């Protein structure tokens, strides 16, 4: 019987500590208040881990909820407790930044199904005393948003000044705006879509199959054995990461340059820089993310379709909305291309919603919303300033350094 290597044991220990005792604040909802899921199961008890930045004003009218993407978490503007890296949106969130924490109270929670303190497949099943594994119910983005709404109730925030997010986060923004029309003053869905395309479902299925084909996955019960399906999860991450970039960005960064060598090795080692880069992305990802969480969250993305239950008409999701929208896309994003954002805008226009739309010129692909894009930053800053003025919030982020 083989034993786990020291690096795997250390990886499991660090991740487990954040799953069960996160470094961030966490709210525990007990069994008396179950969360009814789309699959018609009740989840109870459950926990939501979150981070906050800035100060909530006495009227509780300056709160912004940030919704994270597939592999991110609540550490939007603070160092990650496992990797030690800066927050995933550190260039956007902070004093004087486009999402100005000297003006706004910013909240970001780890999604339901995640692995950084919110209840997910790696959490303890109260019925068995062991991790849920595949006994965890299949969840939807709507379930994630319902859990976030419970968190807002706990914080005493009746209406959010804004809900902002990119990619999967943008889908959560749309869910918020359709489910809780009276609780969202402004919404900024970025680089996103109103439903998952067959192409994106296909990419996710490749990733899931890579995870499940890894013998260390152990039918989803790798926790008990102290194992990690590193190879499968790394391959899933490598495949997904390609979709976050553009051909132009890959060519500019790597071209056909060789990795630490002057000629081809005529082997299957990483001859090219782009191969080495993807391998690095895969190997570092498994140190901070749970494989089963990856399965569950990608499945939630695939199930997302805002037309569902609305006679197949997207506009019906927003009928009666008073929310102010700013929809943002990027020219080189082929994962959620601009046409997806235009569909959202057209649906909002069909119900006479207050909507603005900006397509940002960029060659950085889908991940452009996470990078230094001055036009994008200016767009978000300007929209929030205008919405704050309409809301009656004092001050302007533009006047700050």
Protein backbone atom coordinates (compact mmCIF):
# COMPACT_ATOMS: atom_id res chain seq x y z
CA UNK A 1 0.00 0.00 0.00
CA UNK A 2 1.57 3.28 -1.10
CA UNK A 3 1.79 6.29 1.17
CA UNK A 4 1.25 9.90 0.18
CA UNK A 5 4.39 11.93 -0.48
CA UNK A 6 5.32 14.76 1.93
CA UNK A 7 4.41 17.47 -0.58
CA UNK A 8 0.96 15.95 -1.11
CA UNK A 9 0.43 15.66 2.65
CA UNK A 10 1.41 19.32 3.09
CA UNK A 11 -0.89 20.40 0.25
CA UNK A 12 -3.82 18.51 1.75
CA UNK A 13 -3.14 19.93 5.22
CA UNK A 14 -2.99 23.54 4.07
CA UNK A 15 -6.12 23.26 1.97
CA UNK A 16 -7.99 21.40 4.67
CA UNK A 17 -7.21 24.12 7.19
CA UNK A 18 -8.88 26.72 4.96
CA UNK A 19 -11.85 24.47 4.22
CA UNK A 20 -12.68 23.85 7.87
CA UNK A 21 -11.21 26.91 9.61
CA UNK A 22 -10.84 29.69 7.03
CA UNK A 23 -8.60 32.68 7.65
CA UNK A 24 -11.47 34.97 6.69
CA UNK A 25 -14.73 35.60 8.60
CA UNK A 26 -17.36 32.91 8.17
CA UNK A 27 -21.09 32.79 8.91
CA UNK A 28 -22.63 29.48 9.94
CA UNK A 29 -26.31 28.97 9.16
CA UNK A 30 -27.68 26.22 11.37
CA UNK A 31 -30.04 23.38 10.58
CA UNK A 32 -33.08 25.48 11.49
CA UNK A 33 -32.57 27.60 8.35
CA UNK A 34 -31.87 25.19 5.48
CA UNK A 35 -31.03 26.44 2.01
CA UNK A 36 -33.45 25.03 -0.54
CA UNK A 37 -31.48 24.13 -3.64
CA UNK A 38 -32.57 24.00 -7.27
CA UNK A 39 -32.20 20.20 -7.16
CA UNK A 40 -34.99 20.24 -4.53
CA UNK A 41 -32.71 19.19 -1.69
CA UNK A 42 -32.23 21.15 1.52
CA UNK A 43 -28.67 22.01 2.52
CA UNK A 44 -28.24 22.46 6.26
CA UNK A 45 -26.25 23.45 8.09
CA UNK A 46 -24.09 25.48 5.72
CA UNK A 47 -21.40 28.13 5.97
CA UNK A 48 -20.34 31.10 3.86
CA UNK A 49 -16.83 32.51 4.19
CA UNK A 50 -16.23 36.09 3.15
CA UNK A 51 -13.94 39.11 3.28
CA UNK A 52 -14.83 42.78 3.60
CA UNK A 53 -12.95 45.97 2.77
CA UNK A 54 -13.82 49.54 3.73
CA UNK A 55 -16.53 50.71 6.12
CA UNK A 56 -20.30 50.26 5.94
CA UNK A 57 -21.94 53.67 6.35
CA UNK A 58 -24.69 54.21 8.97
CA UNK A 59 -27.42 53.99 6.32
CA UNK A 60 -25.91 50.76 4.98
CA UNK A 61 -26.25 52.19 1.49
CA UNK A 62 -22.66 51.94 0.24
CA UNK A 63 -22.22 48.15 0.08
CA UNK A 64 -20.79 46.54 -3.05
CA UNK A 65 -20.86 42.77 -3.51
CA UNK A 66 -18.11 41.36 -5.70
CA UNK A 67 -18.81 37.95 -7.23
CA UNK A 68 -15.79 35.86 -8.08
CA UNK A 69 -15.06 33.67 -11.09
CA UNK A 70 -14.65 29.89 -11.28
CA UNK A 71 -11.30 29.43 -9.56
CA UNK A 72 -11.11 32.59 -7.45
CA UNK A 73 -12.32 33.12 -3.87
CA UNK A 74 -13.08 35.78 -1.27
CA UNK A 75 -9.53 37.15 -1.17
CA UNK A 76 -10.20 39.84 -3.73
CA UNK A 77 -7.83 42.47 -2.32
CA UNK A 78 -5.88 40.72 0.41
CA UNK A 79 -3.12 38.14 0.38
CA UNK A 80 -4.17 34.58 -0.26
CA UNK A 81 -3.62 32.43 2.85
CA UNK A 82 -2.34 29.45 0.85
CA UNK A 83 -0.34 31.01 -1.98
CA UNK A 84 0.66 34.28 -0.31
CA UNK A 85 -0.11 36.12 -3.56
CA UNK A 86 -1.97 39.47 -3.70
CA UNK A 87 -5.75 39.45 -4.08
CA UNK A 88 -7.08 38.48 -7.49
CA UNK A 89 -8.51 42.00 -8.13
CA UNK A 90 -5.98 43.98 -6.14
CA UNK A 91 -5.56 46.40 -9.06
CA UNK A 92 -9.27 47.27 -8.97
CA UNK A 93 -10.21 47.23 -5.29
CA UNK A 94 -8.74 49.48 -2.62
CA UNK A 95 -8.47 53.10 -1.47
CA UNK A 96 -8.57 55.40 -4.50
CA UNK A 97 -8.92 52.50 -6.94
CA UNK A 98 -11.88 52.12 -9.32
CA UNK A 99 -13.79 50.19 -6.64
CA UNK A 100 -12.82 52.63 -3.92
CA UNK A 101 -12.81 51.14 -0.43
CA UNK A 102 -12.47 54.61 1.10
CA UNK A 103 -16.01 55.22 -0.19
CA UNK A 104 -17.59 51.80 -0.47
CA UNK A 105 -17.98 48.77 1.79
CA UNK A 106 -16.87 45.87 -0.38
CA UNK A 107 -17.90 42.28 0.30
CA UNK A 108 -16.69 39.15 -1.48
CA UNK A 109 -17.77 35.67 -0.42
CA UNK A 110 -16.45 32.27 -1.39
CA UNK A 111 -19.19 30.67 -3.47
CA UNK A 112 -21.26 27.77 -2.24
CA UNK A 113 -19.47 24.66 -3.45
CA UNK A 114 -16.09 26.35 -3.07
CA UNK A 115 -13.12 25.20 -1.03
CA UNK A 116 -12.02 28.26 0.96
CA UNK A 117 -14.42 28.05 3.90
CA UNK A 118 -17.86 28.01 2.29
CA UNK A 119 -19.70 24.69 2.34
CA UNK A 120 -18.70 22.44 -0.53
CA UNK A 121 -17.85 18.81 -1.33
CA UNK A 122 -14.75 18.92 0.89
CA UNK A 123 -16.79 20.10 3.90
CA UNK A 124 -17.93 17.70 6.61
CA UNK A 125 -21.26 16.02 6.01
CA UNK A 126 -23.04 16.23 9.39
CA UNK A 127 -24.79 12.92 8.68
CA UNK A 128 -21.55 10.96 8.31
CA UNK A 129 -18.84 12.99 10.01
CA UNK A 130 -16.73 12.66 6.84
CA UNK A 131 -16.31 14.96 3.83
CA UNK A 132 -19.31 15.06 1.51
CA UNK A 133 -17.41 14.09 -1.61
CA UNK A 134 -19.94 13.20 -4.29
CA UNK A 135 -22.72 13.09 -1.69
CA UNK A 136 -22.73 16.87 -1.88
CA UNK A 137 -25.80 17.94 -3.88
CA UNK A 138 -25.34 19.36 -7.36
CA UNK A 139 -25.72 23.13 -7.11
CA UNK A 140 -26.47 26.01 -9.46
CA UNK A 141 -25.34 29.62 -9.73
CA UNK A 142 -28.80 30.50 -8.45
CA UNK A 143 -28.07 28.49 -5.30
CA UNK A 144 -24.82 30.41 -4.88
CA UNK A 145 -26.70 33.71 -5.13
CA UNK A 146 -29.36 32.57 -2.66
CA UNK A 147 -26.57 31.78 -0.19
CA UNK A 148 -25.04 35.22 -0.78
CA UNK A 149 -28.44 36.78 -0.09
CA UNK A 150 -28.48 34.98 3.26
CA UNK A 151 -25.09 36.54 3.98
CA UNK A 152 -26.43 40.00 3.13
CA UNK A 153 -29.36 39.38 5.49
CA UNK A 154 -26.87 38.44 8.22
CA UNK A 155 -24.93 41.65 7.61
CA UNK A 156 -28.14 43.69 7.76
CA UNK A 157 -27.83 44.94 4.19
CA UNK A 158 -31.25 45.22 2.57
CA UNK A 159 -30.12 46.75 -0.70
CA UNK A 160 -26.71 46.54 -2.32
CA UNK A 161 -25.39 49.70 -3.94
CA UNK A 162 -23.80 47.51 -6.61
CA UNK A 163 -23.11 43.92 -7.56
CA UNK A 164 -20.03 43.50 -9.75
CA UNK A 165 -18.31 40.48 -11.25
CA UNK A 166 -16.56 39.07 -14.28
CA UNK A 167 -16.94 35.71 -16.05
CA UNK A 168 -18.83 33.38 -13.66
CA UNK A 169 -19.00 36.38 -11.36
CA UNK A 170 -20.87 38.24 -14.10
CA UNK A 171 -23.40 35.42 -14.27
CA UNK A 172 -23.97 35.78 -10.54
CA UNK A 173 -24.50 39.51 -11.10
CA UNK A 174 -27.22 38.68 -13.62
CA UNK A 175 -28.79 36.20 -11.19
CA UNK A 176 -28.83 38.87 -8.48
CA UNK A 177 -30.42 41.40 -10.81
CA UNK A 178 -33.13 38.96 -11.91
CA UNK A 179 -33.87 37.29 -8.55
CA UNK A 180 -33.57 40.28 -6.24
CA UNK A 181 -34.62 43.26 -8.32
CA UNK A 182 -35.32 45.46 -5.28
CA UNK A 183 -31.99 44.64 -3.61
CA UNK A 184 -29.62 45.75 -6.40
CA UNK A 185 -29.24 49.46 -7.20
CA UNK A 186 -26.51 48.99 -9.83
CA UNK A 187 -25.10 45.97 -11.63
CA UNK A 188 -21.86 45.48 -13.58
CA UNK A 189 -21.70 42.14 -15.43
CA UNK A 190 -18.29 41.85 -17.09
CA UNK A 191 -17.04 39.45 -19.80
CA UNK A 192 -19.96 37.11 -19.27
CA UNK A 193 -23.05 35.54 -20.83
CA UNK A 194 -26.69 34.85 -20.03
CA UNK A 195 -26.23 31.12 -20.60
CA UNK A 196 -23.37 28.69 -21.10
CA UNK A 197 -22.71 27.76 -24.71
CA UNK A 198 -22.24 24.19 -25.96
CA UNK A 199 -18.58 25.00 -26.64
CA UNK A 200 -18.01 26.05 -23.04
CA UNK A 201 -19.85 22.98 -21.75
CA UNK A 202 -17.55 20.89 -23.94
CA UNK A 203 -14.40 22.47 -22.50
CA UNK A 204 -15.67 21.86 -18.97
CA UNK A 205 -16.47 18.23 -19.74
CA UNK A 206 -12.88 17.68 -20.92
CA UNK A 207 -11.67 19.10 -17.61
CA UNK A 208 -14.03 17.01 -15.52
CA UNK A 209 -13.09 13.83 -17.35
CA UNK A 210 -9.40 14.61 -16.81
CA UNK A 211 -10.03 14.84 -13.05
CA UNK A 212 -12.17 11.70 -12.88
CA UNK A 213 -9.69 9.69 -14.97
CA UNK A 214 -6.95 10.31 -12.41
CA UNK A 215 -6.68 7.17 -10.22
CA UNK A 216 -6.00 9.41 -7.22
CA UNK A 217 -9.52 10.84 -7.56
CA UNK A 218 -10.73 7.56 -6.03
CA UNK A 219 -14.32 8.00 -7.11
CA UNK A 220 -14.42 11.38 -5.42
CA UNK A 221 -13.35 10.01 -2.03
CA UNK A 222 -9.69 10.97 -2.17
CA UNK A 223 -10.02 12.86 1.15
CA UNK A 224 -10.14 9.65 3.21
CA UNK A 225 -6.98 8.35 1.57
CA UNK A 226 -5.13 11.65 1.98
CA UNK A 227 -4.66 11.80 -1.77
CA UNK A 228 -4.97 14.59 -4.34
CA UNK A 229 -5.77 13.94 -8.03
CA UNK A 230 -3.00 16.33 -8.97
CA UNK A 231 -2.42 15.18 -12.54
CA UNK A 232 -6.06 15.24 -13.56
CA UNK A 233 -6.79 18.60 -11.96
CA UNK A 234 -3.62 20.09 -13.45
CA UNK A 235 -4.63 19.01 -16.95
CA UNK A 236 -8.12 20.43 -16.40
CA UNK A 237 -6.59 23.74 -15.38
CA UNK A 238 -4.22 23.77 -18.35
CA UNK A 239 -7.06 23.22 -20.82
CA UNK A 240 -9.25 25.87 -19.18
CA UNK A 241 -6.42 28.39 -18.95
CA UNK A 242 -6.02 28.40 -22.73
CA UNK A 243 -9.60 29.67 -23.03
CA UNK A 244 -8.79 32.63 -20.76
CA UNK A 245 -6.14 33.93 -23.17
CA UNK A 246 -6.17 35.13 -26.76
CA UNK A 247 -4.07 33.93 -29.66
CA UNK A 248 -2.48 37.39 -29.81
CA UNK A 249 -1.58 37.29 -26.12
CA UNK A 250 -0.07 33.82 -26.40
CA UNK A 251 1.93 34.78 -29.47
CA UNK A 252 3.18 38.01 -27.91
CA UNK A 253 4.24 36.29 -24.70
CA UNK A 254 5.64 33.04 -26.06
CA UNK A 255 5.56 32.71 -29.83
CA UNK A 256 7.48 29.52 -30.60
CA UNK A 257 10.29 30.32 -28.18
CA UNK A 258 12.05 27.38 -26.58
CA UNK A 259 12.22 26.88 -22.82
CA UNK A 260 15.78 27.04 -21.40
CA UNK A 261 17.29 25.35 -24.43
CA UNK A 262 18.69 26.27 -27.82
CA UNK A 263 17.31 23.35 -29.83
CA UNK A 264 14.55 20.76 -29.81
CA UNK A 265 15.12 17.76 -27.56
CA UNK A 266 13.11 15.32 -29.68
CA UNK A 267 11.31 14.21 -26.53
CA UNK A 268 8.05 14.95 -24.73
CA UNK A 269 9.58 17.34 -22.22
CA UNK A 270 8.51 21.00 -22.29
CA UNK A 271 10.50 22.19 -25.29
CA UNK A 272 8.39 25.32 -25.76
CA UNK A 273 7.88 28.16 -23.31
CA UNK A 274 4.12 27.92 -23.69
CA UNK A 275 4.24 24.26 -22.62
CA UNK A 276 6.26 25.13 -19.52
CA UNK A 277 3.87 27.97 -18.72
CA UNK A 278 0.80 25.74 -18.89
CA UNK A 279 2.45 23.04 -16.80
CA UNK A 280 3.26 25.65 -14.17
CA UNK A 281 -0.32 26.92 -14.20
CA UNK A 282 -1.58 23.39 -13.67
CA UNK A 283 0.84 22.42 -10.90
CA UNK A 284 0.31 25.57 -8.83
CA UNK A 285 -3.48 25.39 -9.18
CA UNK A 286 -3.75 22.04 -7.42
CA UNK A 287 -2.08 23.51 -4.33
CA UNK A 288 -5.01 25.83 -3.67
CA UNK A 289 -8.11 24.26 -5.21
CA UNK A 290 -10.16 21.17 -4.48
CA UNK A 291 -10.79 18.79 -7.37
CA UNK A 292 -14.38 18.02 -6.44
CA UNK A 293 -15.13 21.73 -6.08
CA UNK A 294 -13.88 22.10 -9.64
CA UNK A 295 -16.36 19.44 -10.78
CA UNK A 296 -19.29 20.99 -8.94
CA UNK A 297 -18.64 24.60 -9.91
CA UNK A 298 -18.07 23.82 -13.58
CA UNK A 299 -21.32 21.85 -13.55
CA UNK A 300 -23.11 24.85 -12.01
CA UNK A 301 -21.77 26.99 -14.84
CA UNK A 302 -22.97 24.51 -17.44
CA UNK A 303 -26.46 24.49 -15.93
CA UNK A 304 -26.68 28.28 -16.07
CA UNK A 305 -29.34 29.63 -18.43
CA UNK A 306 -31.16 32.80 -17.42
CA UNK A 307 -33.96 31.98 -19.87
CA UNK A 308 -34.90 28.87 -17.88
CA UNK A 309 -38.36 29.10 -16.35
CA UNK A 310 -39.06 32.33 -18.23
CA UNK A 311 -40.65 30.95 -21.40
CA UNK A 312 -37.22 30.88 -23.03
CA UNK A 313 -37.16 34.69 -23.22
CA UNK A 314 -34.12 36.38 -21.68
CA UNK A 315 -35.86 39.76 -21.37
CA UNK A 316 -38.37 38.22 -18.96
CA UNK A 317 -35.57 37.81 -16.43
CA UNK A 318 -35.30 41.58 -16.12
CA UNK A 319 -38.91 42.65 -16.52
CA UNK A 320 -39.77 45.34 -13.95
CA UNK A 321 -36.15 46.01 -13.02
CA UNK A 322 -35.10 49.41 -11.68
CA UNK A 323 -31.43 48.46 -11.52
CA UNK A 324 -28.87 50.53 -13.44
CA UNK A 325 -26.65 48.28 -15.59
CA UNK A 326 -23.20 48.66 -17.10
CA UNK A 327 -22.37 45.69 -19.34
CA UNK A 328 -18.71 45.29 -20.32
CA UNK A 329 -17.03 43.03 -22.89
CA UNK A 330 -13.55 42.73 -24.44
CA UNK A 331 -12.82 42.48 -28.16
CA UNK A 332 -10.44 39.48 -27.92
CA UNK A 333 -12.51 37.44 -25.45
CA UNK A 334 -13.49 34.24 -27.29
CA UNK A 335 -14.72 32.44 -24.16
CA UNK A 336 -17.57 34.93 -23.64
CA UNK A 337 -17.38 37.05 -26.80
CA UNK A 338 -18.99 40.45 -27.21
CA UNK A 339 -22.05 38.97 -28.90
CA UNK A 340 -22.98 37.39 -25.56
CA UNK A 341 -22.92 40.79 -23.87
CA UNK A 342 -24.96 42.28 -26.71
CA UNK A 343 -27.66 39.67 -26.08
CA UNK A 344 -27.86 40.85 -22.47
CA UNK A 345 -28.03 44.49 -23.54
CA UNK A 346 -30.75 43.74 -26.07
CA UNK A 347 -32.79 41.93 -23.42
CA UNK A 348 -32.41 44.88 -21.05
CA UNK A 349 -33.39 47.31 -23.78
CA UNK A 350 -36.48 45.21 -24.49
CA UNK A 351 -37.77 45.96 -20.98
CA UNK A 352 -36.64 49.61 -21.06
CA UNK A 353 -33.96 49.06 -18.43
CA UNK A 354 -31.31 51.66 -17.66
CA UNK A 355 -28.29 50.13 -19.39
CA UNK A 356 -24.97 51.24 -20.80
CA UNK A 357 -22.64 49.00 -22.80
CA UNK A 358 -18.90 49.25 -23.34
CA UNK A 359 -16.75 47.01 -25.50
CA UNK A 360 -13.11 47.41 -24.45
CA UNK A 361 -10.44 47.13 -27.13
CA UNK A 362 -7.92 44.60 -25.82
CA UNK A 363 -5.81 41.75 -27.15
CA UNK A 364 -5.49 40.03 -23.75
CA UNK A 365 -8.45 37.68 -24.08
CA UNK A 366 -11.00 36.78 -21.45
CA UNK A 367 -8.65 37.49 -18.54
CA UNK A 368 -8.40 41.14 -19.59
CA UNK A 369 -10.84 42.07 -16.82
CA UNK A 370 -8.27 40.91 -14.25
CA UNK A 371 -5.37 42.80 -15.82
CA UNK A 372 -4.24 46.39 -16.13
CA UNK A 373 -6.70 47.80 -18.67
CA UNK A 374 -6.95 51.59 -18.16
CA UNK A 375 -10.10 52.01 -20.27
CA UNK A 376 -11.86 49.27 -18.35
CA UNK A 377 -10.80 50.74 -15.01
CA UNK A 378 -12.00 54.18 -16.08
CA UNK A 379 -15.33 52.70 -17.21
CA UNK A 380 -16.01 51.05 -13.85
CA UNK A 381 -14.89 54.12 -11.91
CA UNK A 382 -17.07 56.43 -14.01
CA UNK A 383 -20.14 54.21 -13.78
CA UNK A 384 -19.84 53.86 -10.01
CA UNK A 385 -19.37 57.61 -9.61
CA UNK A 386 -22.50 58.32 -11.65
CA UNK A 387 -24.50 55.68 -9.78
CA UNK A 388 -23.27 57.00 -6.44
CA UNK A 389 -24.38 60.49 -7.39
CA UNK A 390 -27.80 59.14 -8.30
CA UNK A 391 -27.89 57.16 -5.06
CA UNK A 392 -26.98 60.23 -3.02
CA UNK A 393 -23.61 58.93 -1.83
CA UNK A 394 -21.13 61.73 -1.22
CA UNK A 395 -17.68 62.00 -2.72
CA UNK A 396 -16.10 60.91 -5.98
CA UNK A 397 -13.47 58.26 -6.51
CA UNK A 398 -12.05 60.39 -9.33
CA UNK A 399 -11.07 63.08 -6.86
CA UNK A 400 -8.97 60.67 -4.84
CA UNK A 401 -5.33 59.84 -5.53
